[in-house]
Amino acid sequence: MDVKTTFLNGDLEEEVYMKQPEGFITNGNDHIVCKLKKSIYGLKQASRQWYLKFHDVISSFDFIENVMDQCIYHKVSGSKIIFLVLHLDDILLASNDLGLLHEVKRFLS
């Protein structure tokens, strides 16, 4: 699965300001800056904020983070198991139960 607009989903924990984008500056207002409400591409904090948001969401669906690798999660339901591997904006799912796999895909979409 590919996550769309990945780095735009993270919430900022601190105040971040940026220069106005080209085309937004009007004469005499070149000193005005923009305060960001969300992460944007190129922001140093963007990937970390995306991961924290993803972790909260996937944990709320009873996935457990791997102790050795924070980008691997698993969920067990009786004899059913599903693994989730996160790499940047790509998600790999593997399960022994097709129904559970579809349920997780619906949850993530």
PDB file of N, CA and C in Angstrom:
ATOM      1  N   MET A   1       0.845  -1.176   0.000  1.00  0.00           N
ATOM      2  CA  MET A   1       0.000   0.000   0.000  1.00  0.00           C
ATOM      3  C   MET A   1       0.886   1.235   0.000  1.00  0.00           C
ATOM      4  N   ASP A   2       0.424   2.260  -0.636  1.00  0.00           N
ATOM      5  CA  ASP A   2       1.149   3.521  -0.675  1.00  0.00           C
ATOM      6  C   ASP A   2       0.289   4.575   0.013  1.00  0.00           C
ATOM      7  N   VAL A   3       0.890   5.303   0.942  1.00  0.00           N
ATOM      8  CA  VAL A   3       0.163   6.343   1.672  1.00  0.00           C
ATOM      9  C   VAL A   3       0.302   7.660   0.915  1.00  0.00           C
ATOM     10  N   LYS A   4      -0.817   8.273   0.598  1.00  0.00           N
ATOM     11  CA  LYS A   4      -0.811   9.551  -0.129  1.00  0.00           C
ATOM     12  C   LYS A   4      -0.571  10.702   0.842  1.00  0.00           C
ATOM     13  N   THR A   5       0.100  11.716   0.402  1.00  0.00           N
ATOM     14  CA  THR A   5       0.404  12.935   1.175  1.00  0.00           C
ATOM     15  C   THR A   5       0.934  12.610   2.573  1.00  0.00           C
ATOM     16  N   THR A   6       1.834  11.660   2.627  1.00  0.00           N
ATOM     17  CA  THR A   6       2.372  11.154   3.884  1.00  0.00           C
ATOM     18  C   THR A   6       2.811  12.238   4.846  1.00  0.00           C
ATOM     19  N   PHE A   7       3.722  13.071   4.411  1.00  0.00           N
ATOM     20  CA  PHE A   7       4.347  14.012   5.330  1.00  0.00           C
ATOM     21  C   PHE A   7       3.477  15.223   5.630  1.00  0.00           C
ATOM     22  N   LEU A   8       2.308  15.295   5.020  1.00  0.00           N
ATOM     23  CA  LEU A   8       1.383  16.388   5.313  1.00  0.00           C
ATOM     24  C   LEU A   8       0.426  16.009   6.434  1.00  0.00           C
ATOM     25  N   ASN A   9       0.525  14.784   6.937  1.00  0.00           N
ATOM     26  CA  ASN A   9      -0.404  14.297   7.953  1.00  0.00           C
ATOM     27  C   ASN A   9       0.066  14.501   9.387  1.00  0.00           C
ATOM     28  N   GLY A  10       1.321  14.836   9.583  1.00  0.00           N
ATOM     29  CA  GLY A  10       1.835  14.972  10.938  1.00  0.00           C
ATOM     30  C   GLY A  10       1.462  16.291  11.585  1.00  0.00           C
ATOM     31  N   ASP A  11       1.154  16.235  12.875  1.00  0.00           N
ATOM     32  CA  ASP A  11       0.874  17.445  13.643  1.00  0.00           C
ATOM     33  C   ASP A  11       2.183  17.995  14.198  1.00  0.00           C
ATOM     34  N   LEU A  12       2.298  19.304  14.255  1.00  0.00           N
ATOM     35  CA  LEU A  12       3.512  19.930  14.776  1.00  0.00           C
ATOM     36  C   LEU A  12       3.395  20.111  16.286  1.00  0.00           C
ATOM     37  N   GLU A  13       4.480  19.835  16.992  1.00  0.00           N
ATOM     38  CA  GLU A  13       4.491  19.992  18.442  1.00  0.00           C
ATOM     39  C   GLU A  13       5.043  21.348  18.866  1.00  0.00           C
ATOM     40  N   GLU A  14       5.659  22.059  17.945  1.00  0.00           N
ATOM     41  CA  GLU A  14       6.222  23.371  18.258  1.00  0.00           C
ATOM     42  C   GLU A  14       5.807  24.356  17.173  1.00  0.00           C
ATOM     43  N   GLU A  15       6.023  25.623  17.460  1.00  0.00           N
ATOM     44  CA  GLU A  15       5.690  26.649  16.467  1.00  0.00           C
ATOM     45  C   GLU A  15       6.778  26.690  15.399  1.00  0.00           C
ATOM     46  N   VAL A  16       6.352  26.642  14.140  1.00  0.00           N
ATOM     47  CA  VAL A  16       7.284  26.689  13.018  1.00  0.00           C
ATOM     48  C   VAL A  16       6.811  27.780  12.067  1.00  0.00           C
ATOM     49  N   TYR A  17       7.743  28.650  11.686  1.00  0.00           N
ATOM     50  CA  TYR A  17       7.438  29.739  10.765  1.00  0.00           C
ATOM     51  C   TYR A  17       8.273  29.575   9.507  1.00  0.00           C
ATOM     52  N   MET A  18       7.757  30.083   8.391  1.00  0.00           N
ATOM     53  CA  MET A  18       8.496  30.025   7.131  1.00  0.00           C
ATOM     54  C   MET A  18       8.278  31.320   6.358  1.00  0.00           C
ATOM     55  N   LYS A  19       9.201  31.585   5.460  1.00  0.00           N
ATOM     56  CA  LYS A  19       9.018  32.732   4.573  1.00  0.00           C
ATOM     57  C   LYS A  19       7.808  32.481   3.697  1.00  0.00           C
ATOM     58  N   GLN A  20       7.187  33.544   3.245  1.00  0.00           N
ATOM     59  CA  GLN A  20       6.044  33.392   2.351  1.00  0.00           C
ATOM     60  C   GLN A  20       6.502  32.765   1.034  1.00  0.00           C
ATOM     61  N   PRO A  21       5.691  31.868   0.489  1.00  0.00           N
ATOM     62  CA  PRO A  21       6.044  31.276  -0.806  1.00  0.00           C
ATOM     63  C   PRO A  21       6.045  32.336  -1.901  1.00  0.00           C
ATOM     64  N   GLU A  22       6.846  32.099  -2.922  1.00  0.00           N
ATOM     65  CA  GLU A  22       6.895  33.019  -4.045  1.00  0.00           C
ATOM     66  C   GLU A  22       5.498  33.166  -4.648  1.00  0.00           C
ATOM     67  N   GLY A  23       5.136  34.374  -4.974  1.00  0.00           N
ATOM     68  CA  GLY A  23       3.816  34.634  -5.529  1.00  0.00           C
ATOM     69  C   GLY A  23       2.821  35.119  -4.490  1.00  0.00           C
ATOM     70  N   PHE A  24       3.127  34.925  -3.201  1.00  0.00           N
ATOM     71  CA  PHE A  24       2.247  35.384  -2.135  1.00  0.00           C
ATOM     72  C   PHE A  24       2.678  36.736  -1.581  1.00  0.00           C
ATOM     73  N   ILE A  25       3.906  37.118  -1.861  1.00  0.00           N
ATOM     74  CA  ILE A  25       4.442  38.365  -1.318  1.00  0.00           C
ATOM     75  C   ILE A  25       3.892  39.547  -2.106  1.00  0.00           C
ATOM     76  N   THR A  26       3.354  40.514  -1.383  1.00  0.00           N
ATOM     77  CA  THR A  26       2.898  41.750  -2.016  1.00  0.00           C
ATOM     78  C   THR A  26       3.862  42.866  -1.649  1.00  0.00           C
ATOM     79  N   ASN A  27       3.887  43.901  -2.446  1.00  0.00           N
ATOM     80  CA  ASN A  27       4.804  45.016  -2.212  1.00  0.00           C
ATOM     81  C   ASN A  27       4.674  45.547  -0.790  1.00  0.00           C
ATOM     82  N   GLY A  28       5.801  45.671  -0.140  1.00  0.00           N
ATOM     83  CA  GLY A  28       5.842  46.207   1.213  1.00  0.00           C
ATOM     84  C   GLY A  28       5.566  45.179   2.295  1.00  0.00           C
ATOM     85  N   ASN A  29       5.213  43.964   1.936  1.00  0.00           N
ATOM     86  CA  ASN A  29       4.916  42.928   2.930  1.00  0.00           C
ATOM     87  C   ASN A  29       5.888  41.751   2.858  1.00  0.00           C
ATOM     88  N   ASP A  30       7.103  42.019   2.385  1.00  0.00           N
ATOM     89  CA  ASP A  30       8.072  40.931   2.247  1.00  0.00           C
ATOM     90  C   ASP A  30       8.628  40.464   3.592  1.00  0.00           C
ATOM     91  N   HIS A  31       8.316  41.177   4.674  1.00  0.00           N
ATOM     92  CA  HIS A  31       8.786  40.805   6.009  1.00  0.00           C
ATOM     93  C   HIS A  31       7.818  39.845   6.716  1.00  0.00           C
ATOM     94  N   ILE A  32       6.635  39.652   6.168  1.00  0.00           N
ATOM     95  CA  ILE A  32       5.618  38.803   6.792  1.00  0.00           C
ATOM     96  C   ILE A  32       5.969  37.329   6.568  1.00  0.00           C
ATOM     97  N   VAL A  33       5.762  36.514   7.619  1.00  0.00           N
ATOM     98  CA  VAL A  33       6.035  35.080   7.542  1.00  0.00           C
ATOM     99  C   VAL A  33       4.738  34.296   7.749  1.00  0.00           C
ATOM    100  N   CYS A  34       4.794  33.008   7.476  1.00  0.00           N
ATOM    101  CA  CYS A  34       3.639  32.120   7.652  1.00  0.00           C
ATOM    102  C   CYS A  34       3.901  31.194   8.839  1.00  0.00           C
ATOM    103  N   LYS A  35       2.895  31.013   9.680  1.00  0.00           N
ATOM    104  CA  LYS A  35       2.982  30.043  10.771  1.00  0.00           C
ATOM    105  C   LYS A  35       2.337  28.746  10.288  1.00  0.00           C
ATOM    106  N   LEU A  36       3.095  27.652  10.366  1.00  0.00           N
ATOM    107  CA  LEU A  36       2.589  26.367   9.893  1.00  0.00           C
ATOM    108  C   LEU A  36       1.673  25.728  10.929  1.00  0.00           C
ATOM    109  N   LYS A  37       0.569  25.170  10.445  1.00  0.00           N
ATOM    110  CA  LYS A  37      -0.347  24.428  11.310  1.00  0.00           C
ATOM    111  C   LYS A  37      -0.104  22.928  11.208  1.00  0.00           C
ATOM    112  N   LYS A  38       0.450  22.488  10.088  1.00  0.00           N
ATOM    113  CA  LYS A  38       0.741  21.078   9.822  1.00  0.00           C
ATOM    114  C   LYS A  38       2.125  20.971   9.195  1.00  0.00           C
ATOM    115  N   SER A  39       2.654  19.760   9.155  1.00  0.00           N
ATOM    116  CA  SER A  39       3.934  19.519   8.489  1.00  0.00           C
ATOM    117  C   SER A  39       3.799  19.758   6.990  1.00  0.00           C
ATOM    118  N   ILE A  40       4.907  20.107   6.368  1.00  0.00           N
ATOM    119  CA  ILE A  40       4.967  20.246   4.918  1.00  0.00           C
ATOM    120  C   ILE A  40       6.196  19.492   4.422  1.00  0.00           C
ATOM    121  N   TYR A  41       6.215  19.186   3.126  1.00  0.00           N
ATOM    122  CA  TYR A  41       7.367  18.504   2.540  1.00  0.00           C
ATOM    123  C   TYR A  41       8.617  19.354   2.740  1.00  0.00           C
ATOM    124  N   GLY A  42       9.705  18.704   3.101  1.00  0.00           N
ATOM    125  CA  GLY A  42      10.965  19.392   3.289  1.00  0.00           C
ATOM    126  C   GLY A  42      11.213  19.846   4.716  1.00  0.00           C
ATOM    127  N   LEU A  43      10.198  19.813   5.550  1.00  0.00           N
ATOM    128  CA  LEU A  43      10.354  20.206   6.948  1.00  0.00           C
ATOM    129  C   LEU A  43      11.114  19.105   7.684  1.00  0.00           C
ATOM    130  N   LYS A  44      12.119  19.485   8.462  1.00  0.00           N
ATOM    131  CA  LYS A  44      12.950  18.492   9.144  1.00  0.00           C
ATOM    132  C   LYS A  44      12.135  17.566  10.044  1.00  0.00           C
ATOM    133  N   GLN A  45      11.114  18.103  10.680  1.00  0.00           N
ATOM    134  CA  GLN A  45      10.306  17.325  11.614  1.00  0.00           C
ATOM    135  C   GLN A  45       9.258  16.450  10.923  1.00  0.00           C
ATOM    136  N   ALA A  46       9.040  16.615   9.639  1.00  0.00           N
ATOM    137  CA  ALA A  46       7.902  16.000   8.945  1.00  0.00           C
ATOM    138  C   ALA A  46       7.868  14.476   9.061  1.00  0.00           C
ATOM    139  N   SER A  47       8.989  13.807   8.839  1.00  0.00           N
ATOM    140  CA  SER A  47       8.964  12.342   8.870  1.00  0.00           C
ATOM    141  C   SER A  47       8.708  11.818  10.281  1.00  0.00           C
ATOM    142  N   ARG A  48       9.279  12.472  11.280  1.00  0.00           N
ATOM    143  CA  ARG A  48       9.046  12.046  12.675  1.00  0.00           C
ATOM    144  C   ARG A  48       7.587  12.265  13.069  1.00  0.00           C
ATOM    145  N   GLN A  49       7.031  13.406  12.693  1.00  0.00           N
ATOM    146  CA  GLN A  49       5.634  13.701  13.023  1.00  0.00           C
ATOM    147  C   GLN A  49       4.699  12.723  12.319  1.00  0.00           C
ATOM    148  N   TRP A  50       5.011  12.361  11.081  1.00  0.00           N
ATOM    149  CA  TRP A  50       4.213  11.372  10.353  1.00  0.00           C
ATOM    150  C   TRP A  50       4.251  10.030  11.078  1.00  0.00           C
ATOM    151  N   TYR A  51       5.455   9.614  11.502  1.00  0.00           N
ATOM    152  CA  TYR A  51       5.571   8.332  12.200  1.00  0.00           C
ATOM    153  C   TYR A  51       4.756   8.341  13.500  1.00  0.00           C
ATOM    154  N   LEU A  52       4.844   9.405  14.274  1.00  0.00           N
ATOM    155  CA  LEU A  52       4.107   9.476  15.537  1.00  0.00           C
ATOM    156  C   LEU A  52       2.599   9.401  15.309  1.00  0.00           C
ATOM    157  N   LYS A  53       2.123  10.092  14.280  1.00  0.00           N
ATOM    158  CA  LYS A  53       0.694  10.049  13.942  1.00  0.00           C
ATOM    159  C   LYS A  53       0.301   8.634  13.515  1.00  0.00           C
ATOM    160  N   PHE A  54       1.109   8.009  12.653  1.00  0.00           N
ATOM    161  CA  PHE A  54       0.831   6.647  12.193  1.00  0.00           C
ATOM    162  C   PHE A  54       0.810   5.677  13.369  1.00  0.00           C
ATOM    163  N   HIS A  55       1.785   5.798  14.259  1.00  0.00           N
ATOM    164  CA  HIS A  55       1.873   4.915  15.426  1.00  0.00           C
ATOM    165  C   HIS A  55       0.606   5.010  16.282  1.00  0.00           C
ATOM    166  N   ASP A  56       0.134   6.223  16.525  1.00  0.00           N
ATOM    167  CA  ASP A  56      -1.094   6.407  17.311  1.00  0.00           C
ATOM    168  C   ASP A  56      -2.289   5.738  16.640  1.00  0.00           C
ATOM    169  N   VAL A  57      -2.410   5.932  15.339  1.00  0.00           N
ATOM    170  CA  VAL A  57      -3.551   5.372  14.602  1.00  0.00           C
ATOM    171  C   VAL A  57      -3.497   3.848  14.582  1.00  0.00           C
ATOM    172  N   ILE A  58      -2.351   3.281  14.245  1.00  0.00           N
ATOM    173  CA  ILE A  58      -2.252   1.826  14.116  1.00  0.00           C
ATOM    174  C   ILE A  58      -2.329   1.146  15.481  1.00  0.00           C
ATOM    175  N   SER A  59      -1.834   1.799  16.524  1.00  0.00           N
ATOM    176  CA  SER A  59      -1.936   1.247  17.877  1.00  0.00           C
ATOM    177  C   SER A  59      -3.385   1.229  18.354  1.00  0.00           C
ATOM    178  N   SER A  60      -4.174   2.202  17.909  1.00  0.00           N
ATOM    179  CA  SER A  60      -5.589   2.237  18.289  1.00  0.00           C
ATOM    180  C   SER A  60      -6.361   1.068  17.676  1.00  0.00           C
ATOM    181  N   PHE A  61      -5.789   0.414  16.682  1.00  0.00           N
ATOM    182  CA  PHE A  61      -6.405  -0.744  16.032  1.00  0.00           C
ATOM    183  C   PHE A  61      -5.781  -2.042  16.563  1.00  0.00           C
ATOM    184  N   ASP A  62      -5.178  -1.969  17.741  1.00  0.00           N
ATOM    185  CA  ASP A  62      -4.614  -3.115  18.472  1.00  0.00           C
ATOM    186  C   ASP A  62      -3.367  -3.725  17.848  1.00  0.00           C
ATOM    187  N   PHE A  63      -2.647  -2.969  17.031  1.00  0.00           N
ATOM    188  CA  PHE A  63      -1.359  -3.444  16.540  1.00  0.00           C
ATOM    189  C   PHE A  63      -0.308  -3.195  17.613  1.00  0.00           C
ATOM    190  N   ILE A  64       0.650  -4.096  17.717  1.00  0.00           N
ATOM    191  CA  ILE A  64       1.722  -3.994  18.705  1.00  0.00           C
ATOM    192  C   ILE A  64       3.031  -3.754  17.971  1.00  0.00           C
ATOM    193  N   GLU A  65       3.776  -2.761  18.446  1.00  0.00           N
ATOM    194  CA  GLU A  65       5.061  -2.406  17.850  1.00  0.00           C
ATOM    195  C   GLU A  65       6.118  -3.446  18.217  1.00  0.00           C
ATOM    196  N   ASN A  66       6.960  -3.803  17.265  1.00  0.00           N
ATOM    197  CA  ASN A  66       8.058  -4.730  17.489  1.00  0.00           C
ATOM    198  C   ASN A  66       9.114  -4.064  18.361  1.00  0.00           C
ATOM    199  N   VAL A  67       9.643  -4.786  19.356  1.00  0.00           N
ATOM    200  CA  VAL A  67      10.626  -4.192  20.261  1.00  0.00           C
ATOM    201  C   VAL A  67      11.981  -3.973  19.594  1.00  0.00           C
ATOM    202  N   MET A  68      12.270  -4.712  18.536  1.00  0.00           N
ATOM    203  CA  MET A  68      13.560  -4.583  17.864  1.00  0.00           C
ATOM    204  C   MET A  68      13.541  -3.588  16.710  1.00  0.00           C
ATOM    205  N   ASP A  69      12.378  -3.376  16.109  1.00  0.00           N
ATOM    206  CA  ASP A  69      12.264  -2.479  14.959  1.00  0.00           C
ATOM    207  C   ASP A  69      10.925  -1.756  15.038  1.00  0.00           C
ATOM    208  N   GLN A  70      10.967  -0.448  15.235  1.00  0.00           N
ATOM    209  CA  GLN A  70       9.753   0.341  15.439  1.00  0.00           C
ATOM    210  C   GLN A  70       8.882   0.460  14.193  1.00  0.00           C
ATOM    211  N   CYS A  71       9.346  -0.009  13.073  1.00  0.00           N
ATOM    212  CA  CYS A  71       8.554   0.069  11.839  1.00  0.00           C
ATOM    213  C   CYS A  71       7.870  -1.250  11.506  1.00  0.00           C
ATOM    214  N   ILE A  72       7.932  -2.203  12.428  1.00  0.00           N
ATOM    215  CA  ILE A  72       7.247  -3.483  12.255  1.00  0.00           C
ATOM    216  C   ILE A  72       6.205  -3.625  13.363  1.00  0.00           C
ATOM    217  N   TYR A  73       4.988  -3.954  12.956  1.00  0.00           N
ATOM    218  CA  TYR A  73       3.883  -4.139  13.895  1.00  0.00           C
ATOM    219  C   TYR A  73       3.237  -5.489  13.632  1.00  0.00           C
ATOM    220  N   HIS A  74       2.556  -6.006  14.641  1.00  0.00           N
ATOM    221  CA  HIS A  74       1.777  -7.227  14.442  1.00  0.00           C
ATOM    222  C   HIS A  74       0.495  -7.153  15.259  1.00  0.00           C
ATOM    223  N   LYS A  75      -0.467  -7.950  14.825  1.00  0.00           N
ATOM    224  CA  LYS A  75      -1.750  -8.040  15.520  1.00  0.00           C
ATOM    225  C   LYS A  75      -2.166  -9.500  15.505  1.00  0.00           C
ATOM    226  N   VAL A  76      -2.556 -10.016  16.673  1.00  0.00           N
ATOM    227  CA  VAL A  76      -2.984 -11.403  16.793  1.00  0.00           C
ATOM    228  C   VAL A  76      -4.432 -11.419  17.258  1.00  0.00           C
ATOM    229  N   SER A  77      -5.237 -12.225  16.589  1.00  0.00           N
ATOM    230  CA  SER A  77      -6.643 -12.390  16.956  1.00  0.00           C
ATOM    231  C   SER A  77      -6.971 -13.878  16.860  1.00  0.00           C
ATOM    232  N   GLY A  78      -6.870 -14.576  17.990  1.00  0.00           N
ATOM    233  CA  GLY A  78      -7.047 -16.033  17.983  1.00  0.00           C
ATOM    234  C   GLY A  78      -5.933 -16.687  17.199  1.00  0.00           C
ATOM    235  N   SER A  79      -6.289 -17.427  16.164  1.00  0.00           N
ATOM    236  CA  SER A  79      -5.269 -18.071  15.328  1.00  0.00           C
ATOM    237  C   SER A  79      -4.860 -17.192  14.148  1.00  0.00           C
ATOM    238  N   LYS A  80      -5.488 -16.018  14.039  1.00  0.00           N
ATOM    239  CA  LYS A  80      -5.177 -15.095  12.939  1.00  0.00           C
ATOM    240  C   LYS A  80      -4.054 -14.155  13.361  1.00  0.00           C
ATOM    241  N   ILE A  81      -3.155 -13.887  12.432  1.00  0.00           N
ATOM    242  CA  ILE A  81      -2.064 -12.944  12.695  1.00  0.00           C
ATOM    243  C   ILE A  81      -1.824 -12.109  11.442  1.00  0.00           C
ATOM    244  N   ILE A  82      -1.465 -10.866  11.670  1.00  0.00           N
ATOM    245  CA  ILE A  82      -1.111  -9.987  10.554  1.00  0.00           C
ATOM    246  C   ILE A  82       0.121  -9.185  10.944  1.00  0.00           C
ATOM    247  N   PHE A  83       1.025  -9.027  10.001  1.00  0.00           N
ATOM    248  CA  PHE A  83       2.221  -8.212  10.180  1.00  0.00           C
ATOM    249  C   PHE A  83       2.108  -6.984   9.296  1.00  0.00           C
ATOM    250  N   LEU A  84       2.577  -5.871   9.799  1.00  0.00           N
ATOM    251  CA  LEU A  84       2.596  -4.616   9.051  1.00  0.00           C
ATOM    252  C   LEU A  84       4.016  -4.072   9.106  1.00  0.00           C
ATOM    253  N   VAL A  85       4.572  -3.765   7.959  1.00  0.00           N
ATOM    254  CA  VAL A  85       5.912  -3.174   7.876  1.00  0.00           C
ATOM    255  C   VAL A  85       5.771  -1.807   7.225  1.00  0.00           C
ATOM    256  N   LEU A  86       6.281  -0.794   7.886  1.00  0.00           N
ATOM    257  CA  LEU A  86       6.216   0.583   7.397  1.00  0.00           C
ATOM    258  C   LEU A  86       7.595   1.012   6.915  1.00  0.00           C
ATOM    259  N   HIS A  87       7.663   1.522   5.683  1.00  0.00           N
ATOM    260  CA  HIS A  87       8.906   2.082   5.151  1.00  0.00           C
ATOM    261  C   HIS A  87       8.558   3.386   4.452  1.00  0.00           C
ATOM    262  N   LEU A  88       8.904   4.493   5.074  1.00  0.00           N
ATOM    263  CA  LEU A  88       8.563   5.833   4.592  1.00  0.00           C
ATOM    264  C   LEU A  88       7.058   5.939   4.355  1.00  0.00           C
ATOM    265  N   ASP A  89       6.622   5.943   3.103  1.00  0.00           N
ATOM    266  CA  ASP A  89       5.185   6.052   2.831  1.00  0.00           C
ATOM    267  C   ASP A  89       4.616   4.767   2.229  1.00  0.00           C
ATOM    268  N   ASP A  90       5.348   3.664   2.388  1.00  0.00           N
ATOM    269  CA  ASP A  90       4.894   2.371   1.876  1.00  0.00           C
ATOM    270  C   ASP A  90       4.589   1.432   3.039  1.00  0.00           C
ATOM    271  N   ILE A  91       3.515   0.665   2.894  1.00  0.00           N
ATOM    272  CA  ILE A  91       3.105  -0.286   3.921  1.00  0.00           C
ATOM    273  C   ILE A  91       3.004  -1.668   3.288  1.00  0.00           C
ATOM    274  N   LEU A  92       3.655  -2.634   3.916  1.00  0.00           N
ATOM    275  CA  LEU A  92       3.571  -4.025   3.492  1.00  0.00           C
ATOM    276  C   LEU A  92       2.750  -4.778   4.533  1.00  0.00           C
ATOM    277  N   LEU A  93       1.734  -5.508   4.083  1.00  0.00           N
ATOM    278  CA  LEU A  93       0.893  -6.307   4.970  1.00  0.00           C
ATOM    279  C   LEU A  93       1.048  -7.778   4.619  1.00  0.00           C
ATOM    280  N   ALA A  94       1.145  -8.635   5.643  1.00  0.00           N
ATOM    281  CA  ALA A  94       1.207 -10.082   5.437  1.00  0.00           C
ATOM    282  C   ALA A  94       0.378 -10.748   6.526  1.00  0.00           C
ATOM    283  N   SER A  95      -0.514 -11.648   6.114  1.00  0.00           N
ATOM    284  CA  SER A  95      -1.411 -12.282   7.073  1.00  0.00           C
ATOM    285  C   SER A  95      -1.709 -13.715   6.663  1.00  0.00           C
ATOM    286  N   ASN A  96      -2.099 -14.519   7.653  1.00  0.00           N
ATOM    287  CA  ASN A  96      -2.544 -15.883   7.367  1.00  0.00           C
ATOM    288  C   ASN A  96      -4.066 -15.937   7.183  1.00  0.00           C
ATOM    289  N   ASP A  97      -4.720 -14.764   7.209  1.00  0.00           N
ATOM    290  CA  ASP A  97      -6.175 -14.709   7.075  1.00  0.00           C
ATOM    291  C   ASP A  97      -6.573 -13.574   6.134  1.00  0.00           C
ATOM    292  N   LEU A  98      -7.204 -13.922   5.040  1.00  0.00           N
ATOM    293  CA  LEU A  98      -7.591 -12.934   4.030  1.00  0.00           C
ATOM    294  C   LEU A  98      -8.601 -11.923   4.571  1.00  0.00           C
ATOM    295  N   GLY A  99      -9.525 -12.373   5.413  1.00  0.00           N
ATOM    296  CA  GLY A  99     -10.518 -11.472   6.000  1.00  0.00           C
ATOM    297  C   GLY A  99      -9.873 -10.406   6.866  1.00  0.00           C
ATOM    298  N   LEU A 100      -8.909 -10.804   7.685  1.00  0.00           N
ATOM    299  CA  LEU A 100      -8.189  -9.856   8.539  1.00  0.00           C
ATOM    300  C   LEU A 100      -7.390  -8.874   7.692  1.00  0.00           C
ATOM    301  N   LEU A 101      -6.790  -9.378   6.627  1.00  0.00           N
ATOM    302  CA  LEU A 101      -6.028  -8.522   5.718  1.00  0.00           C
ATOM    303  C   LEU A 101      -6.923  -7.441   5.115  1.00  0.00           C
ATOM    304  N   HIS A 102      -8.101  -7.821   4.642  1.00  0.00           N
ATOM    305  CA  HIS A 102      -9.035  -6.850   4.061  1.00  0.00           C
ATOM    306  C   HIS A 102      -9.543  -5.864   5.114  1.00  0.00           C
ATOM    307  N   GLU A 103      -9.762  -6.346   6.328  1.00  0.00           N
ATOM    308  CA  GLU A 103     -10.214  -5.475   7.420  1.00  0.00           C
ATOM    309  C   GLU A 103      -9.181  -4.386   7.710  1.00  0.00           C
ATOM    310  N   VAL A 104      -7.919  -4.757   7.765  1.00  0.00           N
ATOM    311  CA  VAL A 104      -6.847  -3.791   8.033  1.00  0.00           C
ATOM    312  C   VAL A 104      -6.705  -2.822   6.866  1.00  0.00           C
ATOM    313  N   LYS A 105      -6.801  -3.321   5.646  1.00  0.00           N
ATOM    314  CA  LYS A 105      -6.713  -2.435   4.475  1.00  0.00           C
ATOM    315  C   LYS A 105      -7.844  -1.407   4.479  1.00  0.00           C
ATOM    316  N   ARG A 106      -9.049  -1.828   4.848  1.00  0.00           N
ATOM    317  CA  ARG A 106     -10.174  -0.885   4.949  1.00  0.00           C
ATOM    318  C   ARG A 106      -9.909   0.152   6.035  1.00  0.00           C
ATOM    319  N   PHE A 107      -9.371  -0.298   7.164  1.00  0.00           N
ATOM    320  CA  PHE A 107      -9.059   0.611   8.263  1.00  0.00           C
ATOM    321  C   PHE A 107      -8.036   1.663   7.836  1.00  0.00           C
ATOM    322  N   LEU A 108      -7.044   1.244   7.081  1.00  0.00           N
ATOM    323  CA  LEU A 108      -5.977   2.160   6.675  1.00  0.00           C
ATOM    324  C   LEU A 108      -6.372   3.096   5.535  1.00  0.00           C
ATOM    325  N   SER A 109      -7.416   2.759   4.805  1.00  0.00           N
ATOM    326  CA  SER A 109      -7.779   3.604   3.662  1.00  0.00           C
ATOM    327  C   SER A 109      -8.724   4.729   4.048  1.00  0.00           C
TER     328      SER A 109
END
